[in-house]
Every structure is written in structure tokens, then in C-alpha cells.
Amino acid sequence: MTKNKLEKQPTDLPSALENFQKITARFGSEDTLLFLDFDGTLAPIVEHHDDAAISEEMRGLVQELSKRFPLAVVSGRGLADVRKRVNLPDLFYAGSHGFEISGPNGFAKDHEEAVKVIPVFDEIEPLLKRKLKEIAGTDFERKKFTMAIHYRQVKQEEQEKVHNIVSAVLNDYSEVTKADGKKVIEIRPAIDWHKGRAVEFLKTVLSKKENQLSVYVGDDVTDEDAFEYVKNGIGILVGEHGRQTYADYRVEDLKEVKLFFQKLLQYKS
């Protein structure tokens, strides 16, 4: 079930900073839950995905927030990868768009149906690499339950060819599906599971109250699943991703993300 939101142009969204009091007026007495994307939200977007890094200042802000709000990092990156980059072991993490989740005290949950699709990824990965090897700039990121093909380094005139090759290969594999992100093609199990569903699951883990209010901060097309799907949630889009959005508010960039986090800490103090 969605919130029946209407899509809007990112530039039409009100500023989360200018409307901070309006946002916190919804918090109430119970702990509001925070869900944070990684790339483009906690760490700058970079040319090569392996180079992404969170600053010490941002890491410190997230750590302080986690002491005041129930908090989880939700990423398209593999679980082990995003955990290593954030490097705050006591947080909850949802990796591979929520197909794998971990938390403190040994908490771990893999999507049971997605486990059955792993052999398909083992089959299509070498196939795609062989078909795309002639296109300079393609970069593969294999995760446990998903695979990403980055094409930020591919020449503009060849980017459509990348999409066509991937689509042609996936036509023979109904077990997986293709989704687009910022200069990346995400291949996932063809299962009704995404960041929004992962957040709804994590809300039941992070809070004893049913349907607790949550704030989700993200920058990518894949974060739209959370903006649209999560009930009793406030969506904050970082920048814009070239499409319409289901978010409620907007911040311009990582600098404004930090300012928003600082405001949250001041609010809690």
C-alpha cells in the first residue's frame, strides 16, 4: 500500500531546512525513525563506485544521530560493502536494496526467496561481461543478491547500447529484473521487495510502536520506492535525479544534508 502521493518536480519541493519546524512538528513524543541512503546522501557521488567514501564529519554526525534516534542505513550497495564504508558497527544496515539486513547483537535477515536467485546471477554475470567488454567504461559491481552495471565512464553515444545489451540478455531470465539509477543499471531478483518494503520491515524492528513516523533521506531513483511506499513517512530528496519524485521535501546537496542532521541534533538536545 502506498500513501497515494502525487509525483512532483524535485525543484518544486519545499526546502527541508526552511521547513524544519514544520517537519519536527510531526515528530510527537515517540522516537522518530531515521533511514539514510549512502551514495549521494552520506557520501559524494564519484566517478568510480569503489572510490566512494564518507567523511569523518559525516560519520560523526550519523553516530551522534544514532544515539538520539533509532537509525538505519539503506543502500543499493552490498551489505558488507556499505557496513565497511560507514564503519559504525552498532547501526542497522539494509544492503542490496534491502534484500540483506543486519543489525546489532548479531541481527541478520536475508530475503529467503532472493537466495534462490543467486545461481541466476552466477550465470548472467559472465555473460553480460562478455557482451559488454567492447564498450569502454562499463564497471560491474556484484553483490550477494543484486548486480549493478555502472556506465558513468561510458561515452554518451554508447550508453543506450549498454541498456539494450542488458535488456536483451535479461529477456531470457524471468527470475531477475532491471531498474535504472544514476548512471547505473541495477539487476535484482524479480521479487516484490525494494527499499520501501525494507524500511517497513525495519520499522517493526526499530520501534515497538506500530507504524511509527520515519524520515527517509535519499538522492536516487531507487529511493523513490521508500518515498512512495513507506506509510507515515517523511521523504527528503537530496538534489535531483532527473525524474519526478514522491519526496515531501528537498535539500540541495551533502552540505545541506549535514545542516539538516545538525538541526536534528540541536532539536534533540
C-alpha atoms as a PDB file:
ATOM      1  CA  MET A   1       0.000   0.000   0.000  1.00  0.00           C
ATOM      2  CA  THR A   2       1.329   3.436  -0.897  1.00  0.00           C
ATOM      3  CA  LYS A   3       0.470   6.817   0.504  1.00  0.00           C
ATOM      4  CA  ASN A   4      -1.248   7.730  -2.762  1.00  0.00           C
ATOM      5  CA  LYS A   5       1.165  10.581  -3.210  1.00  0.00           C
ATOM      6  CA  LEU A   6       1.411  12.639  -6.352  1.00  0.00           C
ATOM      7  CA  GLU A   7       4.724  12.898  -8.153  1.00  0.00           C
ATOM      8  CA  LYS A   8       6.308  16.344  -8.219  1.00  0.00           C
ATOM      9  CA  GLN A   9       9.251  18.016  -9.872  1.00  0.00           C
ATOM     10  CA  PRO A  10      12.209  17.992  -7.452  1.00  0.00           C
ATOM     11  CA  THR A  11      12.653  21.732  -7.904  1.00  0.00           C
ATOM     12  CA  ASP A  12       9.057  22.260  -6.711  1.00  0.00           C
ATOM     13  CA  LEU A  13       9.705  20.604  -3.352  1.00  0.00           C
ATOM     14  CA  PRO A  14       9.900  22.852  -0.280  1.00  0.00           C
ATOM     15  CA  SER A  15      13.251  23.109   1.486  1.00  0.00           C
ATOM     16  CA  ALA A  16      13.692  20.728   4.414  1.00  0.00           C
ATOM     17  CA  LEU A  17      15.893  23.321   6.111  1.00  0.00           C
ATOM     18  CA  GLU A  18      13.455  26.200   5.712  1.00  0.00           C
ATOM     19  CA  ASN A  19      10.587  23.977   6.850  1.00  0.00           C
ATOM     20  CA  PHE A  20      12.423  22.241   9.669  1.00  0.00           C
ATOM     21  CA  GLN A  21       9.924  23.289  12.339  1.00  0.00           C
ATOM     22  CA  LYS A  22       7.072  22.003  10.189  1.00  0.00           C
ATOM     23  CA  ILE A  23       8.859  18.646   9.882  1.00  0.00           C
ATOM     24  CA  THR A  24       9.624  18.289  13.584  1.00  0.00           C
ATOM     25  CA  ALA A  25       6.070  19.323  14.491  1.00  0.00           C
ATOM     26  CA  ARG A  26       5.091  15.843  13.264  1.00  0.00           C
ATOM     27  CA  PHE A  27       7.595  14.037  15.488  1.00  0.00           C
ATOM     28  CA  GLY A  28       5.493  13.872  18.646  1.00  0.00           C
ATOM     29  CA  SER A  29       6.719  12.280  21.864  1.00  0.00           C
ATOM     30  CA  GLU A  30       7.806   8.934  20.419  1.00  0.00           C
ATOM     31  CA  ASP A  31      11.206   8.430  18.789  1.00  0.00           C
ATOM     32  CA  THR A  32      11.084   9.265  15.087  1.00  0.00           C
ATOM     33  CA  LEU A  33      12.984   6.708  12.994  1.00  0.00           C
ATOM     34  CA  LEU A  34      15.725   7.789  10.574  1.00  0.00           C
ATOM     35  CA  PHE A  35      16.603   5.962   7.356  1.00  0.00           C
ATOM     36  CA  LEU A  36      19.589   7.183   5.355  1.00  0.00           C
ATOM     37  CA  ASP A  37      20.796   6.268   1.884  1.00  0.00           C
ATOM     38  CA  PHE A  38      24.582   6.088   1.409  1.00  0.00           C
ATOM     39  CA  ASP A  39      25.814   7.195  -2.046  1.00  0.00           C
ATOM     40  CA  GLY A  40      24.786  10.769  -2.765  1.00  0.00           C
ATOM     41  CA  THR A  41      23.416  11.207   0.757  1.00  0.00           C
ATOM     42  CA  LEU A  42      26.180  10.300   3.213  1.00  0.00           C
ATOM     43  CA  ALA A  43      28.993  10.091   0.663  1.00  0.00           C
ATOM     44  CA  PRO A  44      29.558  12.118  -2.532  1.00  0.00           C
ATOM     45  CA  ILE A  45      28.785  10.557  -5.897  1.00  0.00           C
ATOM     46  CA  VAL A  46      32.101   9.634  -7.536  1.00  0.00           C
ATOM     47  CA  GLU A  47      33.197   8.530 -10.991  1.00  0.00           C
ATOM     48  CA  HIS A  48      34.142   5.029  -9.785  1.00  0.00           C
ATOM     49  CA  HIS A  49      31.849   3.423  -7.206  1.00  0.00           C
ATOM     50  CA  ASP A  50      34.805   1.831  -5.414  1.00  0.00           C
ATOM     51  CA  ASP A  51      36.112   5.307  -4.548  1.00  0.00           C
ATOM     52  CA  ALA A  52      33.046   6.382  -2.558  1.00  0.00           C
ATOM     53  CA  ALA A  53      33.886   7.450   0.995  1.00  0.00           C
ATOM     54  CA  ILE A  54      32.055   9.042   3.887  1.00  0.00           C
ATOM     55  CA  SER A  55      33.835  11.967   5.535  1.00  0.00           C
ATOM     56  CA  GLU A  56      34.786  11.832   9.209  1.00  0.00           C
ATOM     57  CA  GLU A  57      32.464  14.784   9.819  1.00  0.00           C
ATOM     58  CA  MET A  58      29.506  12.978   8.255  1.00  0.00           C
ATOM     59  CA  ARG A  59      30.341   9.743  10.067  1.00  0.00           C
ATOM     60  CA  GLY A  60      30.420  11.657  13.343  1.00  0.00           C
ATOM     61  CA  LEU A  61      27.024  13.207  12.646  1.00  0.00           C
ATOM     62  CA  VAL A  62      25.485   9.814  11.854  1.00  0.00           C
ATOM     63  CA  GLN A  63      26.982   8.348  15.013  1.00  0.00           C
ATOM     64  CA  GLU A  64      25.538  11.159  17.146  1.00  0.00           C
ATOM     65  CA  LEU A  65      22.157  10.848  15.436  1.00  0.00           C
ATOM     66  CA  SER A  66      22.100   7.115  16.166  1.00  0.00           C
ATOM     67  CA  LYS A  67      22.370   7.911  19.887  1.00  0.00           C
ATOM     68  CA  ARG A  68      19.235  10.053  19.707  1.00  0.00           C
ATOM     69  CA  PHE A  69      17.118   8.394  17.003  1.00  0.00           C
ATOM     70  CA  PRO A  70      16.589   4.742  16.009  1.00  0.00           C
ATOM     71  CA  LEU A  71      18.535   4.758  12.726  1.00  0.00           C
ATOM     72  CA  ALA A  72      19.361   2.530   9.759  1.00  0.00           C
ATOM     73  CA  VAL A  73      21.420   2.968   6.602  1.00  0.00           C
ATOM     74  CA  VAL A  74      19.620   1.702   3.481  1.00  0.00           C
ATOM     75  CA  SER A  75      21.737   1.224   0.365  1.00  0.00           C
ATOM     76  CA  GLY A  76      21.879  -0.436  -3.016  1.00  0.00           C
ATOM     77  CA  ARG A  77      25.431  -1.472  -2.171  1.00  0.00           C
ATOM     78  CA  GLY A  78      26.095  -4.931  -0.859  1.00  0.00           C
ATOM     79  CA  LEU A  79      25.655  -5.247   2.891  1.00  0.00           C
ATOM     80  CA  ALA A  80      29.301  -5.940   3.695  1.00  0.00           C
ATOM     81  CA  ASP A  81      30.389  -3.076   1.441  1.00  0.00           C
ATOM     82  CA  VAL A  82      28.154  -0.392   2.963  1.00  0.00           C
ATOM     83  CA  ARG A  83      28.879  -1.560   6.513  1.00  0.00           C
ATOM     84  CA  LYS A  84      32.601  -1.285   5.873  1.00  0.00           C
ATOM     85  CA  ARG A  85      32.329   2.206   4.361  1.00  0.00           C
ATOM     86  CA  VAL A  86      30.106   3.646   7.091  1.00  0.00           C
ATOM     87  CA  ASN A  87      32.139   1.840   9.747  1.00  0.00           C
ATOM     88  CA  LEU A  88      29.655   2.232  12.587  1.00  0.00           C
ATOM     89  CA  PRO A  89      29.110  -1.373  13.694  1.00  0.00           C
ATOM     90  CA  ASP A  90      26.199  -0.720  16.064  1.00  0.00           C
ATOM     91  CA  LEU A  91      23.828   0.517  13.345  1.00  0.00           C
ATOM     92  CA  PHE A  92      21.189  -1.363  11.395  1.00  0.00           C
ATOM     93  CA  TYR A  93      22.021  -1.739   7.691  1.00  0.00           C
ATOM     94  CA  ALA A  94      19.945  -2.781   4.711  1.00  0.00           C
ATOM     95  CA  GLY A  95      22.145  -3.702   1.745  1.00  0.00           C
ATOM     96  CA  SER A  96      21.324  -4.711  -1.836  1.00  0.00           C
ATOM     97  CA  HIS A  97      18.151  -2.565  -1.740  1.00  0.00           C
ATOM     98  CA  GLY A  98      17.006  -4.367   1.391  1.00  0.00           C
ATOM     99  CA  PHE A  99      17.494  -7.976   0.311  1.00  0.00           C
ATOM    100  CA  GLU A 100      20.071  -8.396   3.105  1.00  0.00           C
ATOM    101  CA  ILE A 101      19.754  -6.721   6.518  1.00  0.00           C
ATOM    102  CA  SER A 102      21.944  -6.720   9.610  1.00  0.00           C
ATOM    103  CA  GLY A 103      21.975  -5.042  12.999  1.00  0.00           C
ATOM    104  CA  PRO A 104      23.471  -5.064  16.486  1.00  0.00           C
ATOM    105  CA  ASN A 105      23.722  -8.217  18.590  1.00  0.00           C
ATOM    106  CA  GLY A 106      24.031 -10.463  15.570  1.00  0.00           C
ATOM    107  CA  PHE A 107      20.739  -9.485  13.956  1.00  0.00           C
ATOM    108  CA  ALA A 108      20.653 -10.752  10.353  1.00  0.00           C
ATOM    109  CA  LYS A 109      17.933 -11.329   7.775  1.00  0.00           C
ATOM    110  CA  ASP A 110      18.300 -12.389   4.154  1.00  0.00           C
ATOM    111  CA  HIS A 111      15.294 -12.428   1.842  1.00  0.00           C
ATOM    112  CA  GLU A 112      14.502 -16.134   1.561  1.00  0.00           C
ATOM    113  CA  GLU A 113      13.179 -16.032  -1.999  1.00  0.00           C
ATOM    114  CA  ALA A 114      16.167 -13.972  -3.171  1.00  0.00           C
ATOM    115  CA  VAL A 115      18.534 -16.715  -2.008  1.00  0.00           C
ATOM    116  CA  LYS A 116      17.059 -18.958  -4.716  1.00  0.00           C
ATOM    117  CA  VAL A 117      18.016 -16.433  -7.425  1.00  0.00           C
ATOM    118  CA  ILE A 118      21.754 -16.326  -6.632  1.00  0.00           C
ATOM    119  CA  PRO A 119      22.575 -19.066  -9.228  1.00  0.00           C
ATOM    120  CA  VAL A 120      20.952 -16.902 -11.919  1.00  0.00           C
ATOM    121  CA  PHE A 121      23.337 -14.049 -11.124  1.00  0.00           C
ATOM    122  CA  ASP A 122      26.230 -16.505 -11.285  1.00  0.00           C
ATOM    123  CA  GLU A 123      25.075 -17.368 -14.805  1.00  0.00           C
ATOM    124  CA  ILE A 124      24.346 -13.922 -16.207  1.00  0.00           C
ATOM    125  CA  GLU A 125      27.387 -12.129 -14.771  1.00  0.00           C
ATOM    126  CA  PRO A 126      29.991 -13.670 -17.142  1.00  0.00           C
ATOM    127  CA  LEU A 127      27.514 -13.451 -19.998  1.00  0.00           C
ATOM    128  CA  LEU A 128      26.996  -9.713 -19.516  1.00  0.00           C
ATOM    129  CA  LYS A 129      30.689  -9.082 -19.028  1.00  0.00           C
ATOM    130  CA  ARG A 130      31.455 -10.817 -22.307  1.00  0.00           C
ATOM    131  CA  LYS A 131      28.815  -8.889 -24.233  1.00  0.00           C
ATOM    132  CA  LEU A 132      29.782  -5.526 -22.720  1.00  0.00           C
ATOM    133  CA  LYS A 133      33.560  -5.894 -22.825  1.00  0.00           C
ATOM    134  CA  GLU A 134      33.805  -3.953 -26.091  1.00  0.00           C
ATOM    135  CA  ILE A 135      32.171  -0.884 -24.515  1.00  0.00           C
ATOM    136  CA  ALA A 136      34.839   1.061 -22.655  1.00  0.00           C
ATOM    137  CA  GLY A 137      33.891   2.387 -19.243  1.00  0.00           C
ATOM    138  CA  THR A 138      31.426  -0.245 -18.048  1.00  0.00           C
ATOM    139  CA  ASP A 139      32.032  -1.233 -14.455  1.00  0.00           C
ATOM    140  CA  PHE A 140      30.452  -4.258 -12.732  1.00  0.00           C
ATOM    141  CA  GLU A 141      29.518  -4.370  -9.056  1.00  0.00           C
ATOM    142  CA  ARG A 142      28.444  -7.825  -7.920  1.00  0.00           C
ATOM    143  CA  LYS A 143      26.594  -8.068  -4.613  1.00  0.00           C
ATOM    144  CA  LYS A 144      25.054 -11.029  -2.835  1.00  0.00           C
ATOM    145  CA  PHE A 145      21.530 -10.585  -4.182  1.00  0.00           C
ATOM    146  CA  THR A 146      21.884  -7.931  -6.880  1.00  0.00           C
ATOM    147  CA  MET A 147      24.278  -6.706  -9.542  1.00  0.00           C
ATOM    148  CA  ALA A 148      24.999  -3.190 -10.743  1.00  0.00           C
ATOM    149  CA  ILE A 149      26.432  -2.134 -14.089  1.00  0.00           C
ATOM    150  CA  HIS A 150      27.867   1.367 -13.816  1.00  0.00           C
ATOM    151  CA  TYR A 151      28.256   3.333 -17.037  1.00  0.00           C
ATOM    152  CA  ARG A 152      29.264   6.809 -15.822  1.00  0.00           C
ATOM    153  CA  GLN A 153      32.542   6.390 -17.728  1.00  0.00           C
ATOM    154  CA  VAL A 154      30.875   5.211 -20.953  1.00  0.00           C
ATOM    155  CA  LYS A 155      30.683   7.675 -23.856  1.00  0.00           C
ATOM    156  CA  GLN A 156      27.291   9.327 -24.136  1.00  0.00           C
ATOM    157  CA  GLU A 157      26.633   7.893 -27.586  1.00  0.00           C
ATOM    158  CA  GLU A 158      27.186   4.319 -26.312  1.00  0.00           C
ATOM    159  CA  GLN A 159      25.102   4.453 -23.142  1.00  0.00           C
ATOM    160  CA  GLU A 160      21.900   3.398 -24.878  1.00  0.00           C
ATOM    161  CA  LYS A 161      23.765   0.404 -26.297  1.00  0.00           C
ATOM    162  CA  VAL A 162      24.611  -0.690 -22.745  1.00  0.00           C
ATOM    163  CA  HIS A 163      20.929  -0.625 -21.838  1.00  0.00           C
ATOM    164  CA  ASN A 164      19.979  -2.545 -24.965  1.00  0.00           C
ATOM    165  CA  ILE A 165      22.526  -5.299 -24.358  1.00  0.00           C
ATOM    166  CA  VAL A 166      21.454  -5.746 -20.737  1.00  0.00           C
ATOM    167  CA  SER A 167      17.768  -5.817 -21.678  1.00  0.00           C
ATOM    168  CA  ALA A 168      18.397  -8.403 -24.412  1.00  0.00           C
ATOM    169  CA  VAL A 169      20.211 -10.708 -22.000  1.00  0.00           C
ATOM    170  CA  LEU A 170      17.614 -10.362 -19.252  1.00  0.00           C
ATOM    171  CA  ASN A 171      14.811 -11.245 -21.677  1.00  0.00           C
ATOM    172  CA  ASP A 172      15.899 -14.861 -21.217  1.00  0.00           C
ATOM    173  CA  TYR A 173      15.834 -14.697 -17.409  1.00  0.00           C
ATOM    174  CA  SER A 174      12.435 -14.070 -15.850  1.00  0.00           C
ATOM    175  CA  GLU A 175      13.895 -14.532 -12.365  1.00  0.00           C
ATOM    176  CA  VAL A 176      15.575 -11.099 -12.476  1.00  0.00           C
ATOM    177  CA  THR A 177      14.547  -7.596 -13.415  1.00  0.00           C
ATOM    178  CA  LYS A 178      16.253  -4.357 -14.438  1.00  0.00           C
ATOM    179  CA  ALA A 179      15.958  -0.949 -12.774  1.00  0.00           C
ATOM    180  CA  ASP A 180      17.718   2.326 -13.505  1.00  0.00           C
ATOM    181  CA  GLY A 181      19.659   4.588 -11.170  1.00  0.00           C
ATOM    182  CA  LYS A 182      22.103   7.461 -11.596  1.00  0.00           C
ATOM    183  CA  LYS A 183      24.304   6.193 -14.459  1.00  0.00           C
ATOM    184  CA  VAL A 184      23.797   2.644 -13.210  1.00  0.00           C
ATOM    185  CA  ILE A 185      21.667  -0.332 -14.196  1.00  0.00           C
ATOM    186  CA  GLU A 186      20.515  -2.376 -11.222  1.00  0.00           C
ATOM    187  CA  ILE A 187      19.677  -6.032 -11.775  1.00  0.00           C
ATOM    188  CA  ARG A 188      17.625  -7.509  -8.958  1.00  0.00           C
ATOM    189  CA  PRO A 189      15.545 -10.601  -8.230  1.00  0.00           C
ATOM    190  CA  ALA A 190      12.072 -10.242  -9.778  1.00  0.00           C
ATOM    191  CA  ILE A 191      10.537 -10.178  -6.317  1.00  0.00           C
ATOM    192  CA  ASP A 192       8.222  -7.554  -4.874  1.00  0.00           C
ATOM    193  CA  TRP A 193      10.871  -6.222  -2.498  1.00  0.00           C
ATOM    194  CA  HIS A 194      12.663  -2.868  -2.512  1.00  0.00           C
ATOM    195  CA  LYS A 195      13.937  -0.115  -0.224  1.00  0.00           C
ATOM    196  CA  GLY A 196      10.406   0.840   0.782  1.00  0.00           C
ATOM    197  CA  ARG A 197       9.486  -2.671   1.875  1.00  0.00           C
ATOM    198  CA  ALA A 198      12.826  -2.983   3.675  1.00  0.00           C
ATOM    199  CA  VAL A 199      12.106   0.229   5.581  1.00  0.00           C
ATOM    200  CA  GLU A 200       8.643  -1.005   6.564  1.00  0.00           C
ATOM    201  CA  PHE A 201      10.237  -4.194   7.891  1.00  0.00           C
ATOM    202  CA  LEU A 202      12.913  -2.254   9.782  1.00  0.00           C
ATOM    203  CA  LYS A 203      10.284  -0.031  11.365  1.00  0.00           C
ATOM    204  CA  THR A 204       8.915  -3.117  13.125  1.00  0.00           C
ATOM    205  CA  VAL A 205      12.422  -3.917  14.373  1.00  0.00           C
ATOM    206  CA  LEU A 206      13.429  -0.399  15.443  1.00  0.00           C
ATOM    207  CA  SER A 207      10.182   0.551  17.165  1.00  0.00           C
ATOM    208  CA  LYS A 208       7.671  -1.216  19.388  1.00  0.00           C
ATOM    209  CA  LYS A 209       5.005   1.248  18.247  1.00  0.00           C
ATOM    210  CA  GLU A 210       3.019   0.250  15.190  1.00  0.00           C
ATOM    211  CA  ASN A 211       3.667   2.401  12.108  1.00  0.00           C
ATOM    212  CA  GLN A 212       5.979   4.861  13.838  1.00  0.00           C
ATOM    213  CA  LEU A 213       6.815   8.087  11.978  1.00  0.00           C
ATOM    214  CA  SER A 214      10.009   7.848   9.928  1.00  0.00           C
ATOM    215  CA  VAL A 215      12.219  10.218   7.960  1.00  0.00           C
ATOM    216  CA  TYR A 216      13.971   8.873   4.857  1.00  0.00           C
ATOM    217  CA  VAL A 217      16.797  10.832   3.200  1.00  0.00           C
ATOM    218  CA  GLY A 218      17.981   9.722  -0.246  1.00  0.00           C
ATOM    219  CA  ASP A 219      19.063  11.013  -3.622  1.00  0.00           C
ATOM    220  CA  ASP A 220      18.492   8.317  -6.216  1.00  0.00           C
ATOM    221  CA  VAL A 221      15.673   6.899  -8.316  1.00  0.00           C
ATOM    222  CA  THR A 222      15.848   3.741  -6.182  1.00  0.00           C
ATOM    223  CA  ASP A 223      14.963   5.825  -3.114  1.00  0.00           C
ATOM    224  CA  GLU A 224      11.617   6.652  -4.705  1.00  0.00           C
ATOM    225  CA  ASP A 225      10.411   3.229  -3.578  1.00  0.00           C
ATOM    226  CA  ALA A 226      10.817   4.423   0.011  1.00  0.00           C
ATOM    227  CA  PHE A 227       9.399   7.892  -0.629  1.00  0.00           C
ATOM    228  CA  GLU A 228       6.283   6.410  -2.205  1.00  0.00           C
ATOM    229  CA  TYR A 229       5.748   3.164  -0.324  1.00  0.00           C
ATOM    230  CA  VAL A 230       6.543   3.922   3.324  1.00  0.00           C
ATOM    231  CA  LYS A 231       3.476   4.736   5.392  1.00  0.00           C
ATOM    232  CA  ASN A 232       3.658   7.565   7.947  1.00  0.00           C
ATOM    233  CA  GLY A 233       6.959   8.705   6.486  1.00  0.00           C
ATOM    234  CA  ILE A 234       8.609  11.979   5.506  1.00  0.00           C
ATOM    235  CA  GLY A 235      10.758  11.760   2.365  1.00  0.00           C
ATOM    236  CA  ILE A 236      13.651  14.149   1.812  1.00  0.00           C
ATOM    237  CA  LEU A 237      15.293  14.161  -1.626  1.00  0.00           C
ATOM    238  CA  VAL A 238      18.941  15.183  -1.952  1.00  0.00           C
ATOM    239  CA  GLY A 239      19.396  17.235  -5.138  1.00  0.00           C
ATOM    240  CA  GLU A 240      17.530  15.725  -8.072  1.00  0.00           C
ATOM    241  CA  HIS A 241      17.787  12.587 -10.197  1.00  0.00           C
ATOM    242  CA  GLY A 242      16.235  13.734 -13.456  1.00  0.00           C
ATOM    243  CA  ARG A 243      12.743  12.405 -12.781  1.00  0.00           C
ATOM    244  CA  GLN A 244       9.671  13.342 -10.809  1.00  0.00           C
ATOM    245  CA  THR A 245       9.654  12.411  -7.141  1.00  0.00           C
ATOM    246  CA  TYR A 246       7.390  11.240  -4.340  1.00  0.00           C
ATOM    247  CA  ALA A 247       9.519  13.022  -1.720  1.00  0.00           C
ATOM    248  CA  ASP A 248       7.986  15.667   0.545  1.00  0.00           C
ATOM    249  CA  TYR A 249      10.986  17.966   0.971  1.00  0.00           C
ATOM    250  CA  ARG A 250      14.354  18.616  -0.595  1.00  0.00           C
ATOM    251  CA  VAL A 251      17.905  19.559   0.332  1.00  0.00           C
ATOM    252  CA  GLU A 252      20.326  20.733  -2.336  1.00  0.00           C
ATOM    253  CA  ASP A 253      23.431  18.674  -1.611  1.00  0.00           C
ATOM    254  CA  LEU A 254      25.529  16.920   1.024  1.00  0.00           C
ATOM    255  CA  LYS A 255      26.338  20.258   2.639  1.00  0.00           C
ATOM    256  CA  GLU A 256      22.629  20.757   3.297  1.00  0.00           C
ATOM    257  CA  VAL A 257      22.309  17.126   4.441  1.00  0.00           C
ATOM    258  CA  LYS A 258      24.866  17.935   7.143  1.00  0.00           C
ATOM    259  CA  LEU A 259      22.972  21.091   8.112  1.00  0.00           C
ATOM    260  CA  PHE A 260      19.761  19.082   8.378  1.00  0.00           C
ATOM    261  CA  PHE A 261      21.490  16.494  10.580  1.00  0.00           C
ATOM    262  CA  GLN A 262      22.911  19.266  12.771  1.00  0.00           C
ATOM    263  CA  LYS A 263      19.425  20.710  13.152  1.00  0.00           C
ATOM    264  CA  LEU A 264      18.122  17.306  14.194  1.00  0.00           C
ATOM    265  CA  LEU A 265      20.826  17.055  16.850  1.00  0.00           C
ATOM    266  CA  GLN A 266      20.007  20.540  18.123  1.00  0.00           C
ATOM    267  CA  TYR A 267      16.333  19.630  18.196  1.00  0.00           C
ATOM    268  CA  LYS A 268      17.061  16.563  20.304  1.00  0.00           C
ATOM    269  CA  SER A 269      19.341  18.471  22.692  1.00  0.00           C
END
